[in-house]
């Protein structure tokens, strides 16, 4: 570890220690940073090129029909 990261870690510990109770200063974090063994969330997937194309064409058609019917 570099000296700068050690200093940053010391500052973090000092900052977070202020809100810990005096009788138990080393309580575990209630919202741990990172994925500390928690459930892995499913990743989002893009629906694909053709779905996106269909949505864009559908929106254009709705606008065109709206303009054609109500000039």
N, C-alpha and C. Protein backbone atom coordinates (compact mmCIF):
# COMPACT_ATOMS: atom_id res chain seq x y z
N UNK A 1 0.83 -1.18 0.00
CA UNK A 1 0.00 0.00 0.00
C UNK A 1 0.87 1.24 0.00
N UNK A 2 0.45 2.22 -0.71
CA UNK A 2 1.22 3.45 -0.73
C UNK A 2 0.91 4.27 0.52
N UNK A 3 1.76 5.23 0.75
CA UNK A 3 1.59 6.09 1.92
C UNK A 3 0.31 6.91 1.82
N UNK A 4 -0.02 7.33 0.60
CA UNK A 4 -1.23 8.13 0.39
C UNK A 4 -2.50 7.32 0.68
N UNK A 5 -2.55 6.07 0.23
CA UNK A 5 -3.73 5.26 0.48
C UNK A 5 -3.85 4.90 1.96
N UNK A 6 -2.71 4.70 2.63
CA UNK A 6 -2.75 4.44 4.07
C UNK A 6 -3.29 5.66 4.81
N UNK A 7 -2.88 6.85 4.39
CA UNK A 7 -3.38 8.07 5.01
C UNK A 7 -4.88 8.21 4.77
N UNK A 8 -5.33 7.89 3.56
CA UNK A 8 -6.75 7.99 3.23
C UNK A 8 -7.54 6.99 4.08
N UNK A 9 -7.02 5.78 4.25
CA UNK A 9 -7.70 4.78 5.08
C UNK A 9 -7.79 5.23 6.54
N UNK A 10 -6.72 5.87 7.02
CA UNK A 10 -6.73 6.37 8.40
C UNK A 10 -7.77 7.47 8.54
N UNK A 11 -7.87 8.35 7.53
CA UNK A 11 -8.87 9.41 7.58
C UNK A 11 -10.28 8.83 7.54
N UNK A 12 -10.48 7.78 6.72
CA UNK A 12 -11.79 7.13 6.66
C UNK A 12 -12.17 6.53 8.01
N UNK A 13 -11.22 5.83 8.63
CA UNK A 13 -11.50 5.22 9.93
C UNK A 13 -11.82 6.28 10.97
N UNK A 14 -11.09 7.39 10.93
CA UNK A 14 -11.36 8.47 11.88
C UNK A 14 -12.75 9.06 11.64
N UNK A 15 -13.10 9.27 10.39
CA UNK A 15 -14.41 9.84 10.06
C UNK A 15 -15.53 8.91 10.49
N UNK A 16 -15.42 7.64 10.16
CA UNK A 16 -16.50 6.70 10.46
C UNK A 16 -16.56 6.32 11.94
N UNK A 17 -15.47 6.52 12.68
CA UNK A 17 -15.48 6.16 14.10
C UNK A 17 -16.30 7.15 14.92
N UNK A 18 -16.57 8.33 14.39
CA UNK A 18 -17.29 9.35 15.15
C UNK A 18 -18.74 8.96 15.43
N UNK A 19 -19.35 8.20 14.53
CA UNK A 19 -20.75 7.86 14.73
C UNK A 19 -20.94 6.48 15.34
N UNK A 20 -19.88 5.89 15.83
CA UNK A 20 -19.97 4.58 16.48
C UNK A 20 -20.13 4.77 17.98
N UNK A 21 -20.90 3.91 18.62
CA UNK A 21 -21.08 4.05 20.07
C UNK A 21 -19.76 3.83 20.82
N UNK A 22 -19.61 4.52 21.92
CA UNK A 22 -18.36 4.45 22.68
C UNK A 22 -18.12 3.06 23.28
N UNK A 23 -19.19 2.35 23.65
CA UNK A 23 -19.01 1.05 24.29
C UNK A 23 -18.67 -0.06 23.30
N UNK A 24 -18.85 0.16 22.02
CA UNK A 24 -18.52 -0.86 21.02
C UNK A 24 -18.06 -0.18 19.73
N UNK A 25 -16.85 0.35 19.71
CA UNK A 25 -16.40 1.15 18.58
C UNK A 25 -16.12 0.38 17.29
N UNK A 26 -16.12 -0.95 17.36
CA UNK A 26 -15.78 -1.71 16.15
C UNK A 26 -16.99 -2.48 15.61
N UNK A 27 -18.15 -1.87 15.66
CA UNK A 27 -19.33 -2.51 15.10
C UNK A 27 -19.16 -2.69 13.59
N UNK A 28 -19.69 -3.77 13.03
CA UNK A 28 -19.61 -3.92 11.57
C UNK A 28 -20.48 -2.87 10.89
N UNK A 29 -20.10 -2.53 9.68
CA UNK A 29 -20.88 -1.53 8.94
C UNK A 29 -22.25 -2.09 8.62
N UNK A 30 -23.28 -1.25 8.77
CA UNK A 30 -24.62 -1.70 8.46
C UNK A 30 -24.88 -1.67 6.96
N UNK A 31 -24.09 -0.91 6.23
CA UNK A 31 -24.17 -0.88 4.77
C UNK A 31 -22.77 -1.05 4.21
N UNK A 32 -22.24 -2.26 4.22
CA UNK A 32 -20.86 -2.45 3.79
C UNK A 32 -20.66 -2.06 2.33
N UNK A 33 -19.51 -1.50 2.07
CA UNK A 33 -19.18 -1.11 0.71
C UNK A 33 -18.77 -2.34 -0.10
N UNK A 34 -19.10 -2.34 -1.37
CA UNK A 34 -18.77 -3.48 -2.22
C UNK A 34 -19.77 -4.60 -2.03
N UNK A 35 -19.49 -5.73 -2.62
CA UNK A 35 -20.37 -6.90 -2.50
C UNK A 35 -19.73 -7.85 -1.50
N UNK A 36 -19.98 -7.61 -0.24
CA UNK A 36 -19.36 -8.39 0.82
C UNK A 36 -20.12 -9.69 1.05
N UNK A 37 -20.11 -10.56 0.07
CA UNK A 37 -20.75 -11.85 0.21
C UNK A 37 -22.25 -11.81 0.08
N UNK A 38 -22.80 -10.69 -0.34
CA UNK A 38 -24.24 -10.57 -0.51
C UNK A 38 -24.69 -11.25 -1.79
N UNK A 39 -25.99 -11.22 -2.04
CA UNK A 39 -26.49 -11.86 -3.25
C UNK A 39 -26.03 -11.10 -4.50
N UNK A 40 -25.76 -11.84 -5.53
CA UNK A 40 -25.32 -11.23 -6.78
C UNK A 40 -26.57 -10.85 -7.56
N UNK A 41 -26.67 -9.59 -7.90
CA UNK A 41 -27.84 -9.11 -8.63
C UNK A 41 -27.74 -9.51 -10.09
N UNK A 42 -28.87 -9.82 -10.72
CA UNK A 42 -28.82 -10.18 -12.13
C UNK A 42 -28.43 -8.96 -12.97
N UNK A 43 -27.67 -9.21 -14.01
CA UNK A 43 -27.27 -8.12 -14.87
C UNK A 43 -28.37 -7.83 -15.87
N UNK A 44 -28.48 -6.57 -16.25
CA UNK A 44 -29.48 -6.18 -17.22
C UNK A 44 -28.94 -6.45 -18.62
N UNK A 45 -29.81 -6.93 -19.50
CA UNK A 45 -29.40 -7.22 -20.87
C UNK A 45 -30.18 -6.35 -21.82
N UNK A 46 -29.50 -5.89 -22.84
CA UNK A 46 -30.15 -5.11 -23.88
C UNK A 46 -31.04 -6.05 -24.69
N UNK A 47 -32.26 -5.63 -25.02
CA UNK A 47 -33.21 -6.51 -25.71
C UNK A 47 -32.79 -6.83 -27.13
N UNK A 48 -32.00 -6.01 -27.72
CA UNK A 48 -31.50 -6.33 -29.05
C UNK A 48 -31.81 -5.26 -30.08
N UNK A 49 -31.15 -5.40 -31.19
CA UNK A 49 -31.24 -4.43 -32.27
C UNK A 49 -32.65 -4.37 -32.85
N UNK A 50 -33.26 -5.52 -33.10
CA UNK A 50 -34.57 -5.53 -33.76
C UNK A 50 -35.67 -4.98 -32.87
N UNK A 51 -35.61 -5.22 -31.60
CA UNK A 51 -36.59 -4.65 -30.68
C UNK A 51 -36.50 -3.13 -30.67
N UNK A 52 -35.29 -2.62 -30.57
CA UNK A 52 -35.09 -1.17 -30.57
C UNK A 52 -35.56 -0.57 -31.88
N UNK A 53 -35.24 -1.22 -33.00
CA UNK A 53 -35.67 -0.75 -34.31
C UNK A 53 -37.20 -0.72 -34.39
N UNK A 54 -37.85 -1.76 -33.90
CA UNK A 54 -39.31 -1.82 -33.94
C UNK A 54 -39.94 -0.71 -33.10
N UNK A 55 -39.37 -0.42 -31.96
CA UNK A 55 -39.90 0.65 -31.11
C UNK A 55 -39.76 2.00 -31.79
N UNK A 56 -38.60 2.24 -32.40
CA UNK A 56 -38.38 3.53 -33.09
C UNK A 56 -39.33 3.67 -34.26
N UNK A 57 -39.49 2.63 -35.06
CA UNK A 57 -40.40 2.67 -36.20
C UNK A 57 -41.84 2.85 -35.70
N UNK A 58 -42.21 2.18 -34.62
CA UNK A 58 -43.55 2.33 -34.06
C UNK A 58 -43.84 3.75 -33.62
N UNK A 59 -42.88 4.39 -32.98
CA UNK A 59 -43.06 5.77 -32.54
C UNK A 59 -43.20 6.69 -33.75
N UNK A 60 -42.37 6.48 -34.76
CA UNK A 60 -42.45 7.30 -35.98
C UNK A 60 -43.81 7.10 -36.65
N UNK A 61 -44.30 5.87 -36.71
CA UNK A 61 -45.61 5.61 -37.31
C UNK A 61 -46.74 6.28 -36.54
N UNK A 62 -46.70 6.23 -35.23
CA UNK A 62 -47.73 6.87 -34.42
C UNK A 62 -47.74 8.37 -34.68
N UNK A 63 -46.57 8.97 -34.74
CA UNK A 63 -46.49 10.41 -35.02
C UNK A 63 -47.01 10.71 -36.43
N UNK A 64 -46.60 9.90 -37.41
CA UNK A 64 -47.03 10.13 -38.80
C UNK A 64 -48.54 9.96 -38.94
N UNK A 65 -49.12 8.93 -38.33
CA UNK A 65 -50.56 8.72 -38.40
C UNK A 65 -51.29 9.86 -37.70
N UNK A 66 -50.76 10.32 -36.57
CA UNK A 66 -51.37 11.44 -35.87
C UNK A 66 -51.36 12.71 -36.70
N UNK A 67 -50.29 12.95 -37.40
CA UNK A 67 -50.21 14.13 -38.27
C UNK A 67 -51.16 13.96 -39.46
N UNK A 68 -51.23 12.76 -40.03
CA UNK A 68 -52.07 12.52 -41.21
C UNK A 68 -53.57 12.64 -40.86
N UNK A 69 -53.97 12.15 -39.68
CA UNK A 69 -55.37 12.18 -39.32
C UNK A 69 -55.83 13.53 -38.78
N UNK A 70 -54.93 14.27 -38.16
CA UNK A 70 -55.30 15.55 -37.57
C UNK A 70 -54.36 16.66 -38.07
N UNK A 71 -54.53 17.05 -39.35
CA UNK A 71 -53.60 18.04 -39.93
C UNK A 71 -53.76 19.44 -39.37
